[in-house]
Amino acid sequence: MSSTEIIVGLGDFILWTTEILFENIGNLFNDAMIVLGFIGLLIWLRLQHKYNQEAANNPDQLK
């Protein structure tokens, strides 16, 4: 058995497993990543607003 046959066999196995995975999951993973991205964006924006308010109220900071 040559190394090419091993690599091709491994590639075929990975392709087979991902096809099964995507048939069962569908777009659920993509939708979850979009929702998690928006949640992360909202958290970051809220924290940034808090930090900006703290900076505006601190007269000792360098500008």
N, C-alpha and C. Protein backbone atom coordinates (compact mmCIF):
# COMPACT_ATOMS: atom_id res chain seq x y z
N MET A 1 0.84 -1.17 0.00
CA MET A 1 0.00 0.00 0.00
C MET A 1 0.89 1.23 0.00
N SER A 2 0.71 2.10 -0.99
CA SER A 2 1.57 3.28 -1.11
C SER A 2 1.00 4.44 -0.28
N SER A 3 1.84 5.42 -0.09
CA SER A 3 1.43 6.58 0.71
C SER A 3 0.31 7.35 0.00
N THR A 4 0.30 7.33 -1.33
CA THR A 4 -0.77 8.00 -2.07
C THR A 4 -2.11 7.35 -1.79
N GLU A 5 -2.14 6.02 -1.75
CA GLU A 5 -3.39 5.33 -1.46
C GLU A 5 -3.89 5.64 -0.05
N ILE A 6 -2.98 5.78 0.88
CA ILE A 6 -3.36 6.11 2.26
C ILE A 6 -3.96 7.51 2.32
N ILE A 7 -3.32 8.44 1.67
CA ILE A 7 -3.80 9.83 1.68
C ILE A 7 -5.14 9.94 0.98
N VAL A 8 -5.29 9.28 -0.16
CA VAL A 8 -6.57 9.30 -0.89
C VAL A 8 -7.66 8.64 -0.04
N GLY A 9 -7.33 7.53 0.60
CA GLY A 9 -8.30 6.86 1.46
C GLY A 9 -8.71 7.73 2.63
N LEU A 10 -7.74 8.42 3.23
CA LEU A 10 -8.03 9.33 4.34
C LEU A 10 -8.92 10.48 3.86
N GLY A 11 -8.62 11.02 2.70
CA GLY A 11 -9.44 12.09 2.13
C GLY A 11 -10.86 11.63 1.86
N ASP A 12 -11.00 10.44 1.31
CA ASP A 12 -12.34 9.89 1.06
C ASP A 12 -13.11 9.70 2.36
N PHE A 13 -12.43 9.23 3.42
CA PHE A 13 -13.07 9.04 4.71
C PHE A 13 -13.54 10.38 5.29
N ILE A 14 -12.69 11.40 5.23
CA ILE A 14 -13.06 12.72 5.74
C ILE A 14 -14.24 13.27 4.95
N LEU A 15 -14.22 13.13 3.64
CA LEU A 15 -15.34 13.59 2.81
C LEU A 15 -16.62 12.86 3.18
N TRP A 16 -16.54 11.57 3.40
CA TRP A 16 -17.72 10.77 3.76
C TRP A 16 -18.30 11.22 5.10
N THR A 17 -17.42 11.46 6.08
CA THR A 17 -17.93 11.87 7.40
C THR A 17 -18.54 13.27 7.35
N THR A 18 -17.94 14.18 6.60
CA THR A 18 -18.50 15.53 6.53
C THR A 18 -19.82 15.54 5.77
N GLU A 19 -19.97 14.69 4.76
CA GLU A 19 -21.24 14.61 4.05
C GLU A 19 -22.35 14.14 4.99
N ILE A 20 -22.07 13.14 5.82
CA ILE A 20 -23.06 12.66 6.78
C ILE A 20 -23.39 13.76 7.78
N LEU A 21 -22.36 14.45 8.26
CA LEU A 21 -22.54 15.51 9.24
C LEU A 21 -23.41 16.63 8.67
N PHE A 22 -23.11 17.09 7.47
CA PHE A 22 -23.84 18.21 6.89
C PHE A 22 -25.25 17.82 6.48
N GLU A 23 -25.48 16.56 6.12
CA GLU A 23 -26.84 16.13 5.81
C GLU A 23 -27.71 16.19 7.05
N ASN A 24 -27.16 15.85 8.21
CA ASN A 24 -27.94 15.85 9.45
C ASN A 24 -28.07 17.23 10.06
N ILE A 25 -27.04 18.05 9.96
CA ILE A 25 -27.06 19.36 10.60
C ILE A 25 -27.69 20.41 9.68
N GLY A 26 -27.42 20.35 8.41
CA GLY A 26 -27.93 21.35 7.49
C GLY A 26 -27.30 22.71 7.76
N ASN A 27 -28.13 23.73 7.79
CA ASN A 27 -27.63 25.10 8.02
C ASN A 27 -27.63 25.47 9.48
N LEU A 28 -27.91 24.54 10.37
CA LEU A 28 -27.97 24.84 11.79
C LEU A 28 -26.65 25.41 12.30
N PHE A 29 -25.54 24.84 11.88
CA PHE A 29 -24.23 25.33 12.33
C PHE A 29 -23.99 26.75 11.84
N ASN A 30 -24.30 27.02 10.57
CA ASN A 30 -24.12 28.37 10.03
C ASN A 30 -24.99 29.38 10.76
N ASP A 31 -26.24 29.01 11.01
CA ASP A 31 -27.15 29.91 11.72
C ASP A 31 -26.66 30.16 13.14
N ALA A 32 -26.15 29.13 13.80
CA ALA A 32 -25.65 29.28 15.16
C ALA A 32 -24.43 30.22 15.18
N MET A 33 -23.55 30.13 14.19
CA MET A 33 -22.38 31.00 14.15
C MET A 33 -22.79 32.45 13.93
N ILE A 34 -23.80 32.68 13.10
CA ILE A 34 -24.28 34.05 12.87
C ILE A 34 -24.88 34.61 14.15
N VAL A 35 -25.71 33.83 14.83
CA VAL A 35 -26.32 34.29 16.08
C VAL A 35 -25.26 34.56 17.14
N LEU A 36 -24.30 33.65 17.29
CA LEU A 36 -23.22 33.85 18.26
C LEU A 36 -22.38 35.07 17.92
N GLY A 37 -22.18 35.33 16.64
CA GLY A 37 -21.44 36.52 16.22
C GLY A 37 -22.15 37.80 16.61
N PHE A 38 -23.47 37.84 16.41
CA PHE A 38 -24.22 39.03 16.80
C PHE A 38 -24.27 39.20 18.31
N ILE A 39 -24.39 38.11 19.05
CA ILE A 39 -24.37 38.20 20.51
C ILE A 39 -23.02 38.74 20.98
N GLY A 40 -21.93 38.23 20.40
CA GLY A 40 -20.60 38.73 20.74
C GLY A 40 -20.44 40.20 20.40
N LEU A 41 -20.99 40.62 19.26
CA LEU A 41 -20.92 42.02 18.86
C LEU A 41 -21.66 42.90 19.86
N LEU A 42 -22.85 42.48 20.28
CA LEU A 42 -23.62 43.27 21.24
C LEU A 42 -22.91 43.37 22.58
N ILE A 43 -22.30 42.28 23.04
CA ILE A 43 -21.56 42.30 24.30
C ILE A 43 -20.37 43.25 24.19
N TRP A 44 -19.65 43.17 23.09
CA TRP A 44 -18.49 44.02 22.89
C TRP A 44 -18.90 45.50 22.83
N LEU A 45 -19.98 45.80 22.12
CA LEU A 45 -20.43 47.19 22.02
C LEU A 45 -20.86 47.74 23.39
N ARG A 46 -21.52 46.91 24.19
CA ARG A 46 -21.93 47.33 25.52
C ARG A 46 -20.72 47.61 26.41
N LEU A 47 -19.74 46.72 26.36
CA LEU A 47 -18.51 46.94 27.14
C LEU A 47 -17.77 48.18 26.66
N GLN A 48 -17.70 48.37 25.36
CA GLN A 48 -17.01 49.54 24.81
C GLN A 48 -17.69 50.82 25.26
N HIS A 49 -19.01 50.83 25.28
CA HIS A 49 -19.75 52.00 25.76
C HIS A 49 -19.42 52.29 27.22
N LYS A 50 -19.36 51.23 28.03
CA LYS A 50 -19.01 51.39 29.45
C LYS A 50 -17.60 51.96 29.60
N TYR A 51 -16.64 51.45 28.83
CA TYR A 51 -15.26 51.93 28.90
C TYR A 51 -15.16 53.39 28.42
N ASN A 52 -15.92 53.74 27.41
CA ASN A 52 -15.91 55.12 26.93
C ASN A 52 -16.47 56.08 27.98
N GLN A 53 -17.51 55.67 28.70
CA GLN A 53 -18.06 56.50 29.76
C GLN A 53 -17.06 56.66 30.90
N GLU A 54 -16.38 55.58 31.28
CA GLU A 54 -15.36 55.66 32.33
C GLU A 54 -14.23 56.60 31.91
N ALA A 55 -13.84 56.53 30.67
CA ALA A 55 -12.75 57.39 30.18
C ALA A 55 -13.18 58.85 30.16
N ALA A 56 -14.44 59.11 29.79
CA ALA A 56 -14.92 60.49 29.75
C ALA A 56 -15.02 61.08 31.15
N ASN A 57 -15.26 60.26 32.16
CA ASN A 57 -15.41 60.75 33.53
C ASN A 57 -14.08 60.79 34.29
N ASN A 58 -12.99 60.39 33.68
CA ASN A 58 -11.70 60.35 34.35
C ASN A 58 -10.83 61.52 33.88
N PRO A 59 -10.67 62.57 34.73
CA PRO A 59 -9.90 63.73 34.30
C PRO A 59 -8.39 63.50 34.34
N ASP A 60 -7.92 62.41 34.93
CA ASP A 60 -6.49 62.16 35.06
C ASP A 60 -5.88 61.40 33.88
N GLN A 61 -6.68 61.09 32.90
CA GLN A 61 -6.14 60.29 31.78
C GLN A 61 -5.39 61.17 30.78
N LEU A 62 -4.49 60.57 30.07
CA LEU A 62 -3.76 61.28 29.01
C LEU A 62 -4.62 61.33 27.75
N LYS A 63 -4.61 62.47 27.13
CA LYS A 63 -5.39 62.62 25.89
C LYS A 63 -4.50 63.09 24.77
